[in-house]
Amino acid sequence: MGILTVLFLLLVRPVSSYVSLWRCAIEKRQKFVISFFGIRGMGSLFYLSFAIAQQASNTRMNFGP
């Protein structure tokens, strides 16, 4: 099961995503990044970097009134 998961994450999903972007007017490098990480993956990287930056600056975000 683990090998199948890795195969899908590192081969099947990126290749199928890259093929779906075949006719888009963006650079090959951008297509590769989008196909590897995906839209949800990009959001996850953003939130992870945000959390790391907040921890590094040791500040608290105040979202309440």
C-alpha atoms as a PDB file:
ATOM      1  CA  MET A   1       0.000   0.000   0.000  1.00  0.00           C
ATOM      2  CA  GLY A   2       2.846   2.399   0.801  1.00  0.00           C
ATOM      3  CA  ILE A   3       4.508   1.845  -2.565  1.00  0.00           C
ATOM      4  CA  LEU A   4       1.227   2.529  -4.353  1.00  0.00           C
ATOM      5  CA  THR A   5       0.784   5.763  -2.402  1.00  0.00           C
ATOM      6  CA  VAL A   6       4.281   6.959  -3.247  1.00  0.00           C
ATOM      7  CA  LEU A   7       3.753   5.993  -6.896  1.00  0.00           C
ATOM      8  CA  PHE A   8       0.575   8.061  -7.070  1.00  0.00           C
ATOM      9  CA  LEU A   9       2.082  11.057  -5.278  1.00  0.00           C
ATOM     10  CA  LEU A  10       5.339  11.183  -7.207  1.00  0.00           C
ATOM     11  CA  LEU A  11       4.369   9.885 -10.643  1.00  0.00           C
ATOM     12  CA  VAL A  12       0.694   9.461 -11.512  1.00  0.00           C
ATOM     13  CA  ARG A  13      -0.694  12.725 -10.123  1.00  0.00           C
ATOM     14  CA  PRO A  14       2.084  14.970 -11.484  1.00  0.00           C
ATOM     15  CA  VAL A  15       2.003  13.363 -14.935  1.00  0.00           C
ATOM     16  CA  SER A  16      -1.786  13.549 -15.223  1.00  0.00           C
ATOM     17  CA  SER A  17      -1.779  17.157 -14.036  1.00  0.00           C
ATOM     18  CA  TYR A  18       0.976  18.091 -16.476  1.00  0.00           C
ATOM     19  CA  VAL A  19      -0.967  16.501 -19.336  1.00  0.00           C
ATOM     20  CA  SER A  20      -4.074  18.457 -18.339  1.00  0.00           C
ATOM     21  CA  LEU A  21      -2.031  21.684 -18.557  1.00  0.00           C
ATOM     22  CA  TRP A  22      -0.641  20.744 -21.973  1.00  0.00           C
ATOM     23  CA  ARG A  23      -2.344  23.543 -23.939  1.00  0.00           C
ATOM     24  CA  CYS A  24      -2.181  26.248 -21.279  1.00  0.00           C
ATOM     25  CA  ALA A  25      -0.166  29.319 -22.147  1.00  0.00           C
ATOM     26  CA  ILE A  26       2.251  29.085 -19.210  1.00  0.00           C
ATOM     27  CA  GLU A  27       5.918  28.156 -19.056  1.00  0.00           C
ATOM     28  CA  LYS A  28       7.046  24.569 -18.680  1.00  0.00           C
ATOM     29  CA  ARG A  29       8.590  25.322 -15.307  1.00  0.00           C
ATOM     30  CA  GLN A  30       5.299  26.698 -13.989  1.00  0.00           C
ATOM     31  CA  LYS A  31       3.433  23.681 -15.363  1.00  0.00           C
ATOM     32  CA  PHE A  32       5.836  21.383 -13.552  1.00  0.00           C
ATOM     33  CA  VAL A  33       5.417  23.191 -10.228  1.00  0.00           C
ATOM     34  CA  ILE A  34       1.626  23.254 -10.539  1.00  0.00           C
ATOM     35  CA  SER A  35       1.486  19.608 -11.538  1.00  0.00           C
ATOM     36  CA  PHE A  36       3.771  18.499  -8.703  1.00  0.00           C
ATOM     37  CA  PHE A  37       2.246  20.505  -5.861  1.00  0.00           C
ATOM     38  CA  GLY A  38      -1.242  21.143  -7.193  1.00  0.00           C
ATOM     39  CA  ILE A  39      -3.447  24.010  -6.129  1.00  0.00           C
ATOM     40  CA  ARG A  40      -4.094  22.568  -2.683  1.00  0.00           C
ATOM     41  CA  GLY A  41      -0.405  21.852  -2.235  1.00  0.00           C
ATOM     42  CA  MET A  42       0.462  25.465  -2.942  1.00  0.00           C
ATOM     43  CA  GLY A  43      -1.985  26.579  -0.258  1.00  0.00           C
ATOM     44  CA  SER A  44      -0.468  24.126   2.193  1.00  0.00           C
ATOM     45  CA  LEU A  45       3.013  25.478   1.511  1.00  0.00           C
ATOM     46  CA  PHE A  46       1.758  29.024   2.040  1.00  0.00           C
ATOM     47  CA  TYR A  47       0.106  28.218   5.365  1.00  0.00           C
ATOM     48  CA  LEU A  48       3.128  26.240   6.523  1.00  0.00           C
ATOM     49  CA  SER A  49       5.479  29.104   5.708  1.00  0.00           C
ATOM     50  CA  PHE A  50       3.104  31.538   7.433  1.00  0.00           C
ATOM     51  CA  ALA A  51       3.057  29.397  10.583  1.00  0.00           C
ATOM     52  CA  ILE A  52       6.835  29.074  10.585  1.00  0.00           C
ATOM     53  CA  ALA A  53       7.241  32.830  10.146  1.00  0.00           C
ATOM     54  CA  GLN A  54       4.840  33.501  13.007  1.00  0.00           C
ATOM     55  CA  GLN A  55       6.669  31.093  15.268  1.00  0.00           C
ATOM     56  CA  ALA A  56      10.019  32.594  14.297  1.00  0.00           C
ATOM     57  CA  SER A  57       8.870  36.123  15.091  1.00  0.00           C
ATOM     58  CA  ASN A  58       7.231  34.797  18.267  1.00  0.00           C
ATOM     59  CA  THR A  59       4.149  36.960  17.806  1.00  0.00           C
ATOM     60  CA  ARG A  60       0.535  36.092  18.359  1.00  0.00           C
ATOM     61  CA  MET A  61      -2.171  36.809  15.840  1.00  0.00           C
ATOM     62  CA  ASN A  62      -5.312  38.360  17.298  1.00  0.00           C
ATOM     63  CA  PHE A  63      -8.319  37.278  15.255  1.00  0.00           C
ATOM     64  CA  GLY A  64     -10.982  38.061  17.845  1.00  0.00           C
ATOM     65  CA  PRO A  65     -12.568  41.323  18.996  1.00  0.00           C
END
